[in-house]
Amino acid sequence: MRTKRRNYIFEDDRLKSFKDWDFSESQSCNAQKMAEAGFFCIGREAAACFMCGKELDGWEEQDDPWMEHKKHAPQCYFVKNWKKQNDYTVHELILLLETYAKNQQEKKHLDKMMKYTEQQDKIRDEIMKK
């Protein structure tokens, strides 16, 4: 379930993505808590991390977004270094942005490699048919 990710580095941008979220403010996995945990909305009950790209679906009202993120993506830089957005120092924010940019480049590279591999497989299949 790979999604095209916009820039969701800032919590306010992530929060805005949850306009059609199925859960209310009184529930554990409400939009605010989802955005605080690094997630942006990719479906009525699906979200992805802006940093590591981990996609989780099937959210239930009692799910704790932060605990789910830590459980399913413990290697995520955002999980490992999480602070409330306003508590980051300038230096920490720069490191966050650098890591985000690096992750984006790696994902683009992997996507290109997958595309080339698919093309190679297709060409090999065509050759084998002859």
Protein backbone atom coordinates (compact mmCIF):
# COMPACT_ATOMS: atom_id res chain seq x y z
CA MET A 1 0.00 0.00 0.00
CA ARG A 2 2.66 2.54 -1.03
CA THR A 3 1.42 6.10 -1.12
CA LYS A 4 2.82 9.23 -2.64
CA ARG A 5 3.81 11.36 0.33
CA ARG A 6 3.58 15.10 0.47
CA ASN A 7 5.64 17.08 2.91
CA TYR A 8 4.21 16.19 6.32
CA ILE A 9 7.19 17.20 8.46
CA PHE A 10 5.14 19.62 10.53
CA GLU A 11 2.41 18.43 12.85
CA ASP A 12 -0.15 20.98 11.64
CA ASP A 13 0.16 19.66 8.08
CA ARG A 14 -0.27 16.09 9.29
CA LEU A 15 -3.29 17.07 11.39
CA LYS A 16 -5.00 18.66 8.38
CA SER A 17 -4.76 15.36 6.50
CA PHE A 18 -7.15 13.75 9.01
CA LYS A 19 -10.25 15.68 7.93
CA ASP A 20 -12.10 12.42 7.06
CA TRP A 21 -10.66 10.35 9.93
CA ASP A 22 -13.16 7.91 11.43
CA PHE A 23 -12.27 8.58 15.06
CA SER A 24 -13.47 11.38 17.34
CA GLU A 25 -11.45 13.49 19.76
CA SER A 26 -12.67 11.36 22.70
CA GLN A 27 -11.07 8.22 21.26
CA SER A 28 -7.45 7.21 21.79
CA CYS A 29 -6.46 7.33 18.13
CA ASN A 30 -7.92 10.76 17.43
CA ALA A 31 -6.48 12.99 14.73
CA GLN A 32 -4.40 15.10 17.12
CA LYS A 33 -2.68 12.09 18.69
CA MET A 34 -2.12 10.53 15.27
CA ALA A 35 -0.41 13.69 14.01
CA GLU A 36 1.69 13.98 17.20
CA ALA A 37 2.90 10.40 16.65
CA GLY A 38 4.14 11.34 13.16
CA PHE A 39 1.24 9.98 11.12
CA PHE A 40 -0.71 11.54 8.28
CA CYS A 41 -3.97 10.14 6.94
CA ILE A 42 -3.97 7.91 3.83
CA GLY A 43 -7.51 6.52 4.24
CA ARG A 44 -10.50 6.41 6.57
CA GLU A 45 -8.69 4.04 8.94
CA ALA A 46 -5.15 4.11 7.52
CA ALA A 47 -2.15 6.31 8.25
CA ALA A 48 1.54 6.54 7.34
CA CYS A 49 4.56 8.00 9.09
CA PHE A 50 6.03 11.05 7.39
CA MET A 51 9.56 9.94 8.35
CA CYS A 52 9.85 6.18 7.90
CA GLY A 53 6.83 5.67 5.63
CA LYS A 54 5.39 2.88 7.78
CA GLU A 55 1.75 2.43 6.81
CA LEU A 56 -0.74 1.08 9.32
CA ASP A 57 -4.40 0.36 8.76
CA GLY A 58 -7.25 -1.16 10.70
CA TRP A 59 -6.99 1.34 13.54
CA GLU A 60 -9.36 0.80 16.45
CA GLU A 61 -10.63 3.48 18.81
CA GLN A 62 -8.56 2.25 21.76
CA ASP A 63 -5.25 2.11 19.81
CA ASP A 64 -2.52 4.42 21.08
CA PRO A 65 -0.84 5.94 17.99
CA TRP A 66 2.49 6.42 19.71
CA MET A 67 2.64 2.85 21.03
CA GLU A 68 1.57 1.42 17.65
CA HIS A 69 4.26 3.46 15.88
CA LYS A 70 6.93 2.24 18.31
CA LYS A 71 5.73 -1.37 18.03
CA HIS A 72 5.63 -1.48 14.21
CA ALA A 73 8.58 0.81 13.39
CA PRO A 74 11.03 0.89 16.30
CA GLN A 75 13.86 1.89 13.93
CA CYS A 76 12.07 5.09 12.83
CA TYR A 77 14.16 8.19 13.49
CA PHE A 78 11.06 10.09 14.60
CA VAL A 79 10.15 7.34 17.08
CA LYS A 80 13.67 7.21 18.47
CA ASN A 81 13.99 10.99 18.86
CA TRP A 82 10.39 12.07 19.43
CA LYS A 83 9.65 15.35 21.13
CA LYS A 84 6.71 17.68 20.91
CA GLN A 85 7.23 19.87 17.89
CA ASN A 86 7.80 23.05 19.92
CA ASP A 87 10.43 21.34 22.10
CA TYR A 88 12.94 20.75 19.31
CA THR A 89 16.08 22.84 19.38
CA VAL A 90 17.22 24.34 16.09
CA HIS A 91 20.00 21.74 15.92
CA GLU A 92 17.56 18.86 16.52
CA LEU A 93 15.17 20.22 13.89
CA ILE A 94 18.01 20.42 11.37
CA LEU A 95 18.92 16.78 12.12
CA LEU A 96 15.27 15.80 11.68
CA LEU A 97 15.11 17.58 8.32
CA GLU A 98 18.40 16.04 7.17
CA THR A 99 17.18 12.56 8.07
CA TYR A 100 13.87 13.19 6.34
CA ALA A 101 15.66 14.34 3.17
CA LYS A 102 17.97 11.31 3.28
CA ASN A 103 15.00 8.95 3.70
CA GLN A 104 13.21 10.58 0.76
CA GLN A 105 16.28 10.12 -1.47
CA GLU A 106 16.65 6.48 -0.42
CA LYS A 107 12.98 5.82 -1.18
CA LYS A 108 13.30 7.42 -4.62
CA HIS A 109 16.37 5.30 -5.31
CA LEU A 110 14.61 2.10 -4.20
CA ASP A 111 11.56 2.95 -6.29
CA LYS A 112 13.78 3.39 -9.37
CA MET A 113 15.55 0.11 -8.66
CA MET A 114 12.20 -1.68 -8.37
CA LYS A 115 11.08 -0.18 -11.66
CA TYR A 116 14.27 -1.30 -13.42
CA THR A 117 13.99 -4.78 -11.93
CA GLU A 118 10.42 -5.06 -13.19
CA GLN A 119 11.55 -3.93 -16.64
CA GLN A 120 14.38 -6.47 -16.62
CA ASP A 121 11.98 -9.25 -15.63
CA LYS A 122 9.60 -8.26 -18.41
CA ILE A 123 12.39 -8.22 -21.02
CA ARG A 124 13.75 -11.56 -19.79
CA ASP A 125 10.26 -13.08 -20.01
CA GLU A 126 9.91 -11.80 -23.58
CA ILE A 127 13.30 -13.23 -24.54
CA MET A 128 12.49 -16.59 -22.97
CA LYS A 129 9.25 -16.81 -24.97
CA LYS A 130 11.21 -16.64 -28.25
